[in-house]
PDB file of N, CA and C in Angstrom:
ATOM      1  N   UNK A   1     132.223  23.360  66.064  1.00  0.00           N
ATOM      2  CA  UNK A   1     132.996  23.516  67.278  1.00  0.00           C
ATOM      3  C   UNK A   1     132.227  24.409  68.242  1.00  0.00           C
ATOM      4  N   UNK A   2     132.314  24.081  69.500  1.00  0.00           N
ATOM      5  CA  UNK A   2     131.633  24.841  70.537  1.00  0.00           C
ATOM      6  C   UNK A   2     132.269  26.222  70.672  1.00  0.00           C
ATOM      7  N   UNK A   3     131.437  27.252  70.712  1.00  0.00           N
ATOM      8  CA  UNK A   3     131.937  28.626  70.785  1.00  0.00           C
ATOM      9  C   UNK A   3     132.682  28.889  72.089  1.00  0.00           C
ATOM     10  N   UNK A   4     132.334  28.171  73.161  1.00  0.00           N
ATOM     11  CA  UNK A   4     133.000  28.377  74.438  1.00  0.00           C
ATOM     12  C   UNK A   4     134.434  27.860  74.416  1.00  0.00           C
ATOM     13  N   UNK A   5     134.746  26.946  73.503  1.00  0.00           N
ATOM     14  CA  UNK A   5     136.082  26.367  73.440  1.00  0.00           C
ATOM     15  C   UNK A   5     137.034  27.148  72.550  1.00  0.00           C
ATOM     16  N   UNK A   6     136.509  28.089  71.782  1.00  0.00           N
ATOM     17  CA  UNK A   6     137.354  28.879  70.896  1.00  0.00           C
ATOM     18  C   UNK A   6     138.079  29.927  71.728  1.00  0.00           C
ATOM     19  N   UNK A   7     139.418  29.920  71.716  1.00  0.00           N
ATOM     20  CA  UNK A   7     140.142  30.930  72.510  1.00  0.00           C
ATOM     21  C   UNK A   7     139.956  32.311  71.920  1.00  0.00           C
ATOM     22  N   UNK A   8     139.828  33.281  72.792  1.00  0.00           N
ATOM     23  CA  UNK A   8     139.685  34.663  72.340  1.00  0.00           C
ATOM     24  C   UNK A   8     141.054  35.302  72.245  1.00  0.00           C
ATOM     25  N   UNK A   9     141.145  36.346  71.474  1.00  0.00           N
ATOM     26  CA  UNK A   9     142.393  37.084  71.338  1.00  0.00           C
ATOM     27  C   UNK A   9     142.735  37.703  72.682  1.00  0.00           C
ATOM     28  N   UNK A  10     144.003  37.649  73.129  1.00  0.00           N
ATOM     29  CA  UNK A  10     144.333  38.153  74.463  1.00  0.00           C
ATOM     30  C   UNK A  10     144.068  39.637  74.658  1.00  0.00           C
ATOM     31  N   UNK A  11     144.090  40.427  73.590  1.00  0.00           N
ATOM     32  CA  UNK A  11     143.846  41.867  73.722  1.00  0.00           C
ATOM     33  C   UNK A  11     142.395  42.238  73.449  1.00  0.00           C
ATOM     34  N   UNK A  12     141.557  41.265  73.200  1.00  0.00           N
ATOM     35  CA  UNK A  12     140.163  41.557  72.914  1.00  0.00           C
ATOM     36  C   UNK A  12     139.324  41.407  74.183  1.00  0.00           C
ATOM     37  N   UNK A  13     138.666  42.478  74.614  1.00  0.00           N
ATOM     38  CA  UNK A  13     137.858  42.412  75.838  1.00  0.00           C
ATOM     39  C   UNK A  13     136.663  41.483  75.680  1.00  0.00           C
ATOM     40  N   UNK A  14     136.248  40.904  76.780  1.00  0.00           N
ATOM     41  CA  UNK A  14     135.100  40.001  76.780  1.00  0.00           C
ATOM     42  C   UNK A  14     133.779  40.747  76.902  1.00  0.00           C
ATOM     43  N   UNK A  15     133.821  41.953  77.475  1.00  0.00           N
ATOM     44  CA  UNK A  15     132.616  42.743  77.740  1.00  0.00           C
ATOM     45  C   UNK A  15     132.831  44.140  77.188  1.00  0.00           C
ATOM     46  N   UNK A  16     131.778  44.735  76.663  1.00  0.00           N
ATOM     47  CA  UNK A  16     131.867  46.091  76.144  1.00  0.00           C
ATOM     48  C   UNK A  16     132.071  47.118  77.246  1.00  0.00           C
ATOM     49  N   UNK A  17     132.628  48.244  76.879  1.00  0.00           N
ATOM     50  CA  UNK A  17     132.955  49.277  77.860  1.00  0.00           C
ATOM     51  C   UNK A  17     131.698  49.902  78.468  1.00  0.00           C
ATOM     52  N   UNK A  18     130.593  49.917  77.732  1.00  0.00           N
ATOM     53  CA  UNK A  18     129.333  50.460  78.277  1.00  0.00           C
ATOM     54  C   UNK A  18     128.819  49.596  79.431  1.00  0.00           C
ATOM     55  N   UNK A  19     128.981  48.281  79.318  1.00  0.00           N
ATOM     56  CA  UNK A  19     128.567  47.390  80.410  1.00  0.00           C
ATOM     57  C   UNK A  19     129.438  47.618  81.641  1.00  0.00           C
ATOM     58  N   UNK A  20     130.732  47.832  81.426  1.00  0.00           N
ATOM     59  CA  UNK A  20     131.639  48.132  82.540  1.00  0.00           C
ATOM     60  C   UNK A  20     131.242  49.455  83.187  1.00  0.00           C
ATOM     61  N   UNK A  21     130.909  50.440  82.363  1.00  0.00           N
ATOM     62  CA  UNK A  21     130.502  51.741  82.889  1.00  0.00           C
ATOM     63  C   UNK A  21     129.248  51.619  83.752  1.00  0.00           C
ATOM     64  N   UNK A  22     128.266  50.877  83.288  1.00  0.00           N
ATOM     65  CA  UNK A  22     127.037  50.683  84.075  1.00  0.00           C
ATOM     66  C   UNK A  22     127.336  49.961  85.395  1.00  0.00           C
ATOM     67  N   UNK A  23     128.222  48.959  85.339  1.00  0.00           N
ATOM     68  CA  UNK A  23     128.589  48.228  86.547  1.00  0.00           C
ATOM     69  C   UNK A  23     129.249  49.149  87.564  1.00  0.00           C
ATOM     70  N   UNK A  24     130.205  49.957  87.112  1.00  0.00           N
ATOM     71  CA  UNK A  24     130.905  50.857  88.031  1.00  0.00           C
ATOM     72  C   UNK A  24     129.967  51.925  88.587  1.00  0.00           C
ATOM     73  N   UNK A  25     129.066  52.427  87.763  1.00  0.00           N
ATOM     74  CA  UNK A  25     128.100  53.428  88.264  1.00  0.00           C
ATOM     75  C   UNK A  25     127.177  52.831  89.315  1.00  0.00           C
ATOM     76  N   UNK A  26     126.832  51.552  89.157  1.00  0.00           N
ATOM     77  CA  UNK A  26     125.985  50.896  90.150  1.00  0.00           C
ATOM     78  C   UNK A  26     126.686  50.773  91.497  1.00  0.00           C
ATOM     79  N   UNK A  27     128.005  50.577  91.459  1.00  0.00           N
ATOM     80  CA  UNK A  27     128.760  50.390  92.697  1.00  0.00           C
ATOM     81  C   UNK A  27     129.338  51.689  93.254  1.00  0.00           C
ATOM     82  N   UNK A  28     129.212  52.780  92.525  1.00  0.00           N
ATOM     83  CA  UNK A  28     129.749  54.064  92.975  1.00  0.00           C
ATOM     84  C   UNK A  28     128.909  54.613  94.123  1.00  0.00           C
ATOM     85  N   UNK A  29     129.509  55.555  94.856  1.00  0.00           N
ATOM     86  CA  UNK A  29     128.900  56.085  96.082  1.00  0.00           C
ATOM     87  C   UNK A  29     127.596  56.834  95.817  1.00  0.00           C
ATOM     88  N   UNK A  30     127.601  57.780  94.919  1.00  0.00           N
ATOM     89  CA  UNK A  30     126.417  58.594  94.669  1.00  0.00           C
ATOM     90  C   UNK A  30     126.307  58.879  93.172  1.00  0.00           C
ATOM     91  N   UNK A  31     125.114  58.767  92.612  1.00  0.00           N
ATOM     92  CA  UNK A  31     124.948  59.016  91.171  1.00  0.00           C
ATOM     93  C   UNK A  31     124.876  60.509  90.834  1.00  0.00           C
ATOM     94  N   UNK A  32     125.976  61.207  91.010  1.00  0.00           N
ATOM     95  CA  UNK A  32     126.060  62.630  90.684  1.00  0.00           C
ATOM     96  C   UNK A  32     126.745  62.780  89.330  1.00  0.00           C
ATOM     97  N   UNK A  33     126.639  63.946  88.723  1.00  0.00           N
ATOM     98  CA  UNK A  33     127.343  64.166  87.452  1.00  0.00           C
ATOM     99  C   UNK A  33     128.854  63.984  87.573  1.00  0.00           C
ATOM    100  N   UNK A  34     129.412  64.359  88.722  1.00  0.00           N
ATOM    101  CA  UNK A  34     130.852  64.190  88.923  1.00  0.00           C
ATOM    102  C   UNK A  34     131.230  62.715  88.966  1.00  0.00           C
ATOM    103  N   UNK A  35     130.357  61.906  89.549  1.00  0.00           N
ATOM    104  CA  UNK A  35     130.592  60.468  89.605  1.00  0.00           C
ATOM    105  C   UNK A  35     130.599  59.884  88.201  1.00  0.00           C
ATOM    106  N   UNK A  36     129.655  60.322  87.385  1.00  0.00           N
ATOM    107  CA  UNK A  36     129.606  59.840  86.001  1.00  0.00           C
ATOM    108  C   UNK A  36     130.861  60.236  85.232  1.00  0.00           C
ATOM    109  N   UNK A  37     131.363  61.433  85.504  1.00  0.00           N
ATOM    110  CA  UNK A  37     132.586  61.889  84.849  1.00  0.00           C
ATOM    111  C   UNK A  37     133.784  61.037  85.271  1.00  0.00           C
ATOM    112  N   UNK A  38     133.908  60.769  86.563  1.00  0.00           N
ATOM    113  CA  UNK A  38     135.027  59.959  87.051  1.00  0.00           C
ATOM    114  C   UNK A  38     134.953  58.529  86.519  1.00  0.00           C
ATOM    115  N   UNK A  39     133.760  57.960  86.463  1.00  0.00           N
ATOM    116  CA  UNK A  39     133.600  56.610  85.906  1.00  0.00           C
ATOM    117  C   UNK A  39     133.949  56.624  84.418  1.00  0.00           C
ATOM    118  N   UNK A  40     133.590  57.691  83.718  1.00  0.00           N
ATOM    119  CA  UNK A  40     133.938  57.797  82.295  1.00  0.00           C
ATOM    120  C   UNK A  40     135.454  57.864  82.114  1.00  0.00           C
ATOM    121  N   UNK A  41     136.165  58.534  83.016  1.00  0.00           N
ATOM    122  CA  UNK A  41     137.626  58.597  82.949  1.00  0.00           C
ATOM    123  C   UNK A  41     138.219  57.202  83.152  1.00  0.00           C
ATOM    124  N   UNK A  42     137.703  56.466  84.136  1.00  0.00           N
ATOM    125  CA  UNK A  42     138.179  55.103  84.384  1.00  0.00           C
ATOM    126  C   UNK A  42     137.909  54.215  83.181  1.00  0.00           C
ATOM    127  N   UNK A  43     136.715  54.326  82.611  1.00  0.00           N
ATOM    128  CA  UNK A  43     136.356  53.505  81.447  1.00  0.00           C
ATOM    129  C   UNK A  43     137.201  53.866  80.224  1.00  0.00           C
ATOM    130  N   UNK A  44     137.523  55.133  80.062  1.00  0.00           N
ATOM    131  CA  UNK A  44     138.396  55.519  78.953  1.00  0.00           C
ATOM    132  C   UNK A  44     139.785  54.924  79.146  1.00  0.00           C
ATOM    133  N   UNK A  45     140.244  54.872  80.383  1.00  0.00           N
ATOM    134  CA  UNK A  45     141.514  54.224  80.673  1.00  0.00           C
ATOM    135  C   UNK A  45     141.487  52.747  80.308  1.00  0.00           C
ATOM    136  N   UNK A  46     140.374  52.079  80.615  1.00  0.00           N
ATOM    137  CA  UNK A  46     140.243  50.661  80.239  1.00  0.00           C
ATOM    138  C   UNK A  46     140.222  50.487  78.727  1.00  0.00           C
ATOM    139  N   UNK A  47     139.486  51.355  78.049  1.00  0.00           N
ATOM    140  CA  UNK A  47     139.421  51.262  76.584  1.00  0.00           C
ATOM    141  C   UNK A  47     140.791  51.527  75.965  1.00  0.00           C
ATOM    142  N   UNK A  48     141.525  52.476  76.515  1.00  0.00           N
ATOM    143  CA  UNK A  48     142.863  52.771  76.000  1.00  0.00           C
ATOM    144  C   UNK A  48     143.852  51.647  76.302  1.00  0.00           C
ATOM    145  N   UNK A  49     143.583  50.854  77.329  1.00  0.00           N
ATOM    146  CA  UNK A  49     144.491  49.765  77.704  1.00  0.00           C
ATOM    147  C   UNK A  49     144.526  48.652  76.658  1.00  0.00           C
ATOM    148  N   UNK A  50     143.567  48.627  75.756  1.00  0.00           N
ATOM    149  CA  UNK A  50     143.574  47.634  74.676  1.00  0.00           C
ATOM    150  C   UNK A  50     143.763  48.306  73.320  1.00  0.00           C
ATOM    151  N   UNK A  51     144.274  49.519  73.326  1.00  0.00           N
ATOM    152  CA  UNK A  51     144.512  50.277  72.102  1.00  0.00           C
ATOM    153  C   UNK A  51     145.621  49.633  71.277  1.00  0.00           C
ATOM    154  N   UNK A  52     145.582  49.847  69.970  1.00  0.00           N
ATOM    155  CA  UNK A  52     146.656  49.343  69.107  1.00  0.00           C
ATOM    156  C   UNK A  52     147.882  50.241  69.189  1.00  0.00           C
ATOM    157  N   UNK A  53     147.705  51.482  69.601  1.00  0.00           N
ATOM    158  CA  UNK A  53     148.827  52.404  69.770  1.00  0.00           C
ATOM    159  C   UNK A  53     149.576  52.035  71.052  1.00  0.00           C
ATOM    160  N   UNK A  54     150.839  51.669  70.909  1.00  0.00           N
ATOM    161  CA  UNK A  54     151.632  51.185  72.035  1.00  0.00           C
ATOM    162  C   UNK A  54     151.769  52.234  73.136  1.00  0.00           C
ATOM    163  N   UNK A  55     151.988  53.490  72.767  1.00  0.00           N
ATOM    164  CA  UNK A  55     152.162  54.566  73.744  1.00  0.00           C
ATOM    165  C   UNK A  55     150.888  54.761  74.571  1.00  0.00           C
ATOM    166  N   UNK A  56     149.745  54.795  73.907  1.00  0.00           N
ATOM    167  CA  UNK A  56     148.456  54.980  74.595  1.00  0.00           C
ATOM    168  C   UNK A  56     148.189  53.794  75.512  1.00  0.00           C
ATOM    169  N   UNK A  57     148.447  52.588  75.024  1.00  0.00           N
ATOM    170  CA  UNK A  57     148.202  51.387  75.809  1.00  0.00           C
ATOM    171  C   UNK A  57     149.070  51.360  77.079  1.00  0.00           C
ATOM    172  N   UNK A  58     150.356  51.675  76.945  1.00  0.00           N
ATOM    173  CA  UNK A  58     151.241  51.659  78.116  1.00  0.00           C
ATOM    174  C   UNK A  58     150.830  52.698  79.149  1.00  0.00           C
ATOM    175  N   UNK A  59     150.458  53.893  78.698  1.00  0.00           N
ATOM    176  CA  UNK A  59     150.019  54.942  79.640  1.00  0.00           C
ATOM    177  C   UNK A  59     148.728  54.551  80.344  1.00  0.00           C
ATOM    178  N   UNK A  60     147.810  53.918  79.603  1.00  0.00           N
ATOM    179  CA  UNK A  60     146.531  53.507  80.206  1.00  0.00           C
ATOM    180  C   UNK A  60     146.749  52.407  81.234  1.00  0.00           C
ATOM    181  N   UNK A  61     147.621  51.454  80.935  1.00  0.00           N
ATOM    182  CA  UNK A  61     147.897  50.386  81.891  1.00  0.00           C
ATOM    183  C   UNK A  61     148.579  50.953  83.124  1.00  0.00           C
ATOM    184  N   UNK A  62     149.482  51.906  82.931  1.00  0.00           N
ATOM    185  CA  UNK A  62     150.126  52.565  84.070  1.00  0.00           C
ATOM    186  C   UNK A  62     149.083  53.291  84.928  1.00  0.00           C
ATOM    187  N   UNK A  63     148.104  53.933  84.283  1.00  0.00           N
ATOM    188  CA  UNK A  63     147.030  54.611  85.010  1.00  0.00           C
ATOM    189  C   UNK A  63     146.210  53.604  85.820  1.00  0.00           C
ATOM    190  N   UNK A  64     145.838  52.487  85.195  1.00  0.00           N
ATOM    191  CA  UNK A  64     144.988  51.514  85.874  1.00  0.00           C
ATOM    192  C   UNK A  64     145.711  50.790  87.011  1.00  0.00           C
ATOM    193  N   UNK A  65     147.021  50.694  86.925  1.00  0.00           N
ATOM    194  CA  UNK A  65     147.776  50.021  87.979  1.00  0.00           C
ATOM    195  C   UNK A  65     148.345  50.988  89.013  1.00  0.00           C
ATOM    196  N   UNK A  66     148.228  52.281  88.778  1.00  0.00           N
ATOM    197  CA  UNK A  66     148.897  53.265  89.614  1.00  0.00           C
ATOM    198  C   UNK A  66     148.026  53.940  90.650  1.00  0.00           C
ATOM    199  N   UNK A  67     148.615  54.986  91.225  1.00  0.00           N
ATOM    200  CA  UNK A  67     147.967  55.730  92.304  1.00  0.00           C
ATOM    201  C   UNK A  67     146.865  56.663  91.805  1.00  0.00           C
ATOM    202  N   UNK A  68     146.931  57.086  90.556  1.00  0.00           N
ATOM    203  CA  UNK A  68     145.880  57.980  90.047  1.00  0.00           C
ATOM    204  C   UNK A  68     144.524  57.297  90.047  1.00  0.00           C
ATOM    205  N   UNK A  69     144.484  56.009  89.697  1.00  0.00           N
ATOM    206  CA  UNK A  69     143.225  55.272  89.761  1.00  0.00           C
ATOM    207  C   UNK A  69     142.739  55.200  91.206  1.00  0.00           C
ATOM    208  N   UNK A  70     143.650  55.004  92.128  1.00  0.00           N
ATOM    209  CA  UNK A  70     143.262  54.932  93.540  1.00  0.00           C
ATOM    210  C   UNK A  70     142.627  56.236  94.004  1.00  0.00           C
ATOM    211  N   UNK A  71     143.184  57.360  93.583  1.00  0.00           N
ATOM    212  CA  UNK A  71     142.624  58.664  93.971  1.00  0.00           C
ATOM    213  C   UNK A  71     141.229  58.869  93.378  1.00  0.00           C
ATOM    214  N   UNK A  72     141.086  58.573  92.094  1.00  0.00           N
ATOM    215  CA  UNK A  72     139.791  58.770  91.434  1.00  0.00           C
ATOM    216  C   UNK A  72     138.743  57.824  92.009  1.00  0.00           C
ATOM    217  N   UNK A  73     139.113  56.556  92.176  1.00  0.00           N
ATOM    218  CA  UNK A  73     138.159  55.581  92.717  1.00  0.00           C
ATOM    219  C   UNK A  73     137.743  55.956  94.138  1.00  0.00           C
ATOM    220  N   UNK A  74     138.680  56.459  94.908  1.00  0.00           N
ATOM    221  CA  UNK A  74     138.373  56.855  96.278  1.00  0.00           C
ATOM    222  C   UNK A  74     137.383  58.024  96.318  1.00  0.00           C
ATOM    223  N   UNK A  75     137.487  58.935  95.372  1.00  0.00           N
ATOM    224  CA  UNK A  75     136.575  60.087  95.335  1.00  0.00           C
ATOM    225  C   UNK A  75     135.124  59.677  95.103  1.00  0.00           C
ATOM    226  N   UNK A  76     134.910  58.578  94.395  1.00  0.00           N
ATOM    227  CA  UNK A  76     133.537  58.169  94.067  1.00  0.00           C
ATOM    228  C   UNK A  76     133.098  56.931  94.842  1.00  0.00           C
ATOM    229  N   UNK A  77     133.921  56.512  95.803  1.00  0.00           N
ATOM    230  CA  UNK A  77     133.515  55.416  96.675  1.00  0.00           C
ATOM    231  C   UNK A  77     133.723  54.031  96.095  1.00  0.00           C
ATOM    232  N   UNK A  78     134.605  53.891  95.129  1.00  0.00           N
ATOM    233  CA  UNK A  78     134.923  52.574  94.576  1.00  0.00           C
ATOM    234  C   UNK A  78     136.261  52.110  95.126  1.00  0.00           C
ATOM    235  N   UNK A  79     136.373  50.843  95.365  1.00  0.00           N
ATOM    236  CA  UNK A  79     137.645  50.283  95.801  1.00  0.00           C
ATOM    237  C   UNK A  79     138.503  50.064  94.552  1.00  0.00           C
ATOM    238  N   UNK A  80     139.727  50.579  94.523  1.00  0.00           N
ATOM    239  CA  UNK A  80     140.552  50.464  93.319  1.00  0.00           C
ATOM    240  C   UNK A  80     140.847  49.020  92.918  1.00  0.00           C
ATOM    241  N   UNK A  81     140.967  48.124  93.882  1.00  0.00           N
ATOM    242  CA  UNK A  81     141.218  46.720  93.541  1.00  0.00           C
ATOM    243  C   UNK A  81     139.996  46.095  92.879  1.00  0.00           C
ATOM    244  N   UNK A  82     138.805  46.556  93.248  1.00  0.00           N
ATOM    245  CA  UNK A  82     137.588  46.092  92.578  1.00  0.00           C
ATOM    246  C   UNK A  82     137.603  46.518  91.119  1.00  0.00           C
ATOM    247  N   UNK A  83     137.981  47.765  90.875  1.00  0.00           N
ATOM    248  CA  UNK A  83     138.042  48.277  89.503  1.00  0.00           C
ATOM    249  C   UNK A  83     139.074  47.486  88.697  1.00  0.00           C
ATOM    250  N   UNK A  84     140.226  47.225  89.296  1.00  0.00           N
ATOM    251  CA  UNK A  84     141.264  46.459  88.596  1.00  0.00           C
ATOM    252  C   UNK A  84     140.818  45.027  88.333  1.00  0.00           C
ATOM    253  N   UNK A  85     140.125  44.423  89.295  1.00  0.00           N
ATOM    254  CA  UNK A  85     139.636  43.054  89.114  1.00  0.00           C
ATOM    255  C   UNK A  85     138.616  42.986  87.977  1.00  0.00           C
ATOM    256  N   UNK A  86     137.731  43.965  87.904  1.00  0.00           N
ATOM    257  CA  UNK A  86     136.767  44.028  86.799  1.00  0.00           C
ATOM    258  C   UNK A  86     137.510  44.158  85.474  1.00  0.00           C
ATOM    259  N   UNK A  87     138.530  45.011  85.439  1.00  0.00           N
ATOM    260  CA  UNK A  87     139.303  45.203  84.207  1.00  0.00           C
ATOM    261  C   UNK A  87     140.039  43.927  83.814  1.00  0.00           C
ATOM    262  N   UNK A  88     140.562  43.192  84.787  1.00  0.00           N
ATOM    263  CA  UNK A  88     141.260  41.941  84.471  1.00  0.00           C
ATOM    264  C   UNK A  88     140.290  40.875  83.974  1.00  0.00           C
ATOM    265  N   UNK A  89     139.162  40.741  84.653  1.00  0.00           N
ATOM    266  CA  UNK A  89     138.210  39.702  84.271  1.00  0.00           C
ATOM    267  C   UNK A  89     137.590  39.970  82.912  1.00  0.00           C
ATOM    268  N   UNK A  90     137.468  41.225  82.536  1.00  0.00           N
ATOM    269  CA  UNK A  90     136.917  41.572  81.220  1.00  0.00           C
ATOM    270  C   UNK A  90     138.000  41.645  80.152  1.00  0.00           C
ATOM    271  N   UNK A  91     139.252  41.368  80.534  1.00  0.00           N
ATOM    272  CA  UNK A  91     140.422  41.367  79.638  1.00  0.00           C
ATOM    273  C   UNK A  91     140.806  42.757  79.141  1.00  0.00           C
ATOM    274  N   UNK A  92     140.538  43.772  79.942  1.00  0.00           N
ATOM    275  CA  UNK A  92     141.046  45.105  79.631  1.00  0.00           C
ATOM    276  C   UNK A  92     142.444  45.293  80.216  1.00  0.00           C
ATOM    277  N   UNK A  93     142.753  44.552  81.266  1.00  0.00           N
ATOM    278  CA  UNK A  93     144.080  44.552  81.879  1.00  0.00           C
ATOM    279  C   UNK A  93     144.645  43.143  81.775  1.00  0.00           C
ATOM    280  N   UNK A  94     145.941  43.019  81.574  1.00  0.00           N
ATOM    281  CA  UNK A  94     146.521  41.672  81.565  1.00  0.00           C
ATOM    282  C   UNK A  94     146.440  41.051  82.957  1.00  0.00           C
ATOM    283  N   UNK A  95     146.306  39.731  83.027  1.00  0.00           N
ATOM    284  CA  UNK A  95     146.218  39.089  84.349  1.00  0.00           C
ATOM    285  C   UNK A  95     147.529  39.201  85.111  1.00  0.00           C
ATOM    286  N   UNK A  96     147.433  39.071  86.416  1.00  0.00           N
ATOM    287  CA  UNK A  96     148.623  39.093  87.259  1.00  0.00           C
ATOM    288  C   UNK A  96     149.303  37.735  87.127  1.00  0.00           C
ATOM    289  N   UNK A  97     150.562  37.765  86.763  1.00  0.00           N
ATOM    290  CA  UNK A  97     151.321  36.529  86.638  1.00  0.00           C
ATOM    291  C   UNK A  97     152.119  36.344  87.920  1.00  0.00           C
ATOM    292  N   UNK A  98     151.896  35.206  88.623  1.00  0.00           N
ATOM    293  CA  UNK A  98     152.636  35.006  89.873  1.00  0.00           C
ATOM    294  C   UNK A  98     154.118  34.822  89.611  1.00  0.00           C
ATOM    295  N   UNK A  99     154.902  35.317  90.517  1.00  0.00           N
ATOM    296  CA  UNK A  99     156.347  35.214  90.409  1.00  0.00           C
ATOM    297  C   UNK A  99     156.806  33.918  91.077  1.00  0.00           C
ATOM    298  N   UNK A 100     157.701  33.194  90.423  1.00  0.00           N
ATOM    299  CA  UNK A 100     158.188  31.934  90.969  1.00  0.00           C
ATOM    300  C   UNK A 100     159.657  32.017  91.345  1.00  0.00           C
ATOM    301  N   UNK A 101     160.057  33.143  91.900  1.00  0.00           N
ATOM    302  CA  UNK A 101     161.428  33.307  92.333  1.00  0.00           C
ATOM    303  C   UNK A 101     161.645  32.512  93.613  1.00  0.00           C
ATOM    304  N   UNK A 102     162.789  31.860  93.686  1.00  0.00           N
ATOM    305  CA  UNK A 102     163.114  31.108  94.884  1.00  0.00           C
ATOM    306  C   UNK A 102     163.558  32.076  95.983  1.00  0.00           C
ATOM    307  N   UNK A 103     163.045  31.841  97.149  1.00  0.00           N
ATOM    308  CA  UNK A 103     163.478  32.623  98.298  1.00  0.00           C
ATOM    309  C   UNK A 103     164.636  31.887  98.956  1.00  0.00           C
ATOM    310  N   UNK A 104     165.601  32.638  99.385  1.00  0.00           N
ATOM    311  CA  UNK A 104     166.729  31.997 100.049  1.00  0.00           C
ATOM    312  C   UNK A 104     166.290  31.509 101.420  1.00  0.00           C
ATOM    313  N   UNK A 105     166.712  30.322 101.747  1.00  0.00           N
ATOM    314  CA  UNK A 105     166.329  29.719 103.029  1.00  0.00           C
ATOM    315  C   UNK A 105     167.487  29.866 104.008  1.00  0.00           C
ATOM    316  N   UNK A 106     167.742  31.075 104.356  1.00  0.00           N
ATOM    317  CA  UNK A 106     168.840  31.379 105.266  1.00  0.00           C
ATOM    318  C   UNK A 106     168.319  31.325 106.683  1.00  0.00           C
ATOM    319  N   UNK A 107     168.988  30.573 107.496  1.00  0.00           N
ATOM    320  CA  UNK A 107     168.571  30.433 108.892  1.00  0.00           C
ATOM    321  C   UNK A 107     169.055  31.633 109.680  1.00  0.00           C
ATOM    322  N   UNK A 108     168.228  32.072 110.586  1.00  0.00           N
ATOM    323  CA  UNK A 108     168.640  33.208 111.407  1.00  0.00           C
ATOM    324  C   UNK A 108     169.704  32.776 112.392  1.00  0.00           C
ATOM    325  N   UNK A 109     170.699  33.599 112.542  1.00  0.00           N
ATOM    326  CA  UNK A 109     171.785  33.324 113.466  1.00  0.00           C
ATOM    327  C   UNK A 109     172.904  32.510 112.852  1.00  0.00           C
ATOM    328  N   UNK A 110     172.695  31.965 111.653  1.00  0.00           N
ATOM    329  CA  UNK A 110     173.748  31.173 110.999  1.00  0.00           C
ATOM    330  C   UNK A 110     174.745  32.086 110.315  1.00  0.00           C
ATOM    331  N   UNK A 111     175.998  31.669 110.323  1.00  0.00           N
ATOM    332  CA  UNK A 111     177.049  32.464 109.703  1.00  0.00           C
ATOM    333  C   UNK A 111     177.512  31.827 108.434  1.00  0.00           C
TER     334      UNK A 111
END
């Protein structure tokens, strides 16, 4: 069977965290020690997002989807949506599932 056709486990990342770290450092504003520290914090959040411990996993996902990631990414010149997209594509974050809620088609001015 072709290896490309074998489905991967949904919680198993496609890329190692070191590769993600190198990618983020390449896109960061300046290669300073503080930048490396902030990228390491982001990468630890990604690694924790696939943890077997439910509490750690939920907190890491909340971090990656929340405002704290935006603050850290902004300090080092990374766009937070870029970081989230990398995490989703590497399967560290679950994909965004579109909502199929029906919108009410209420006409304006109608009673």
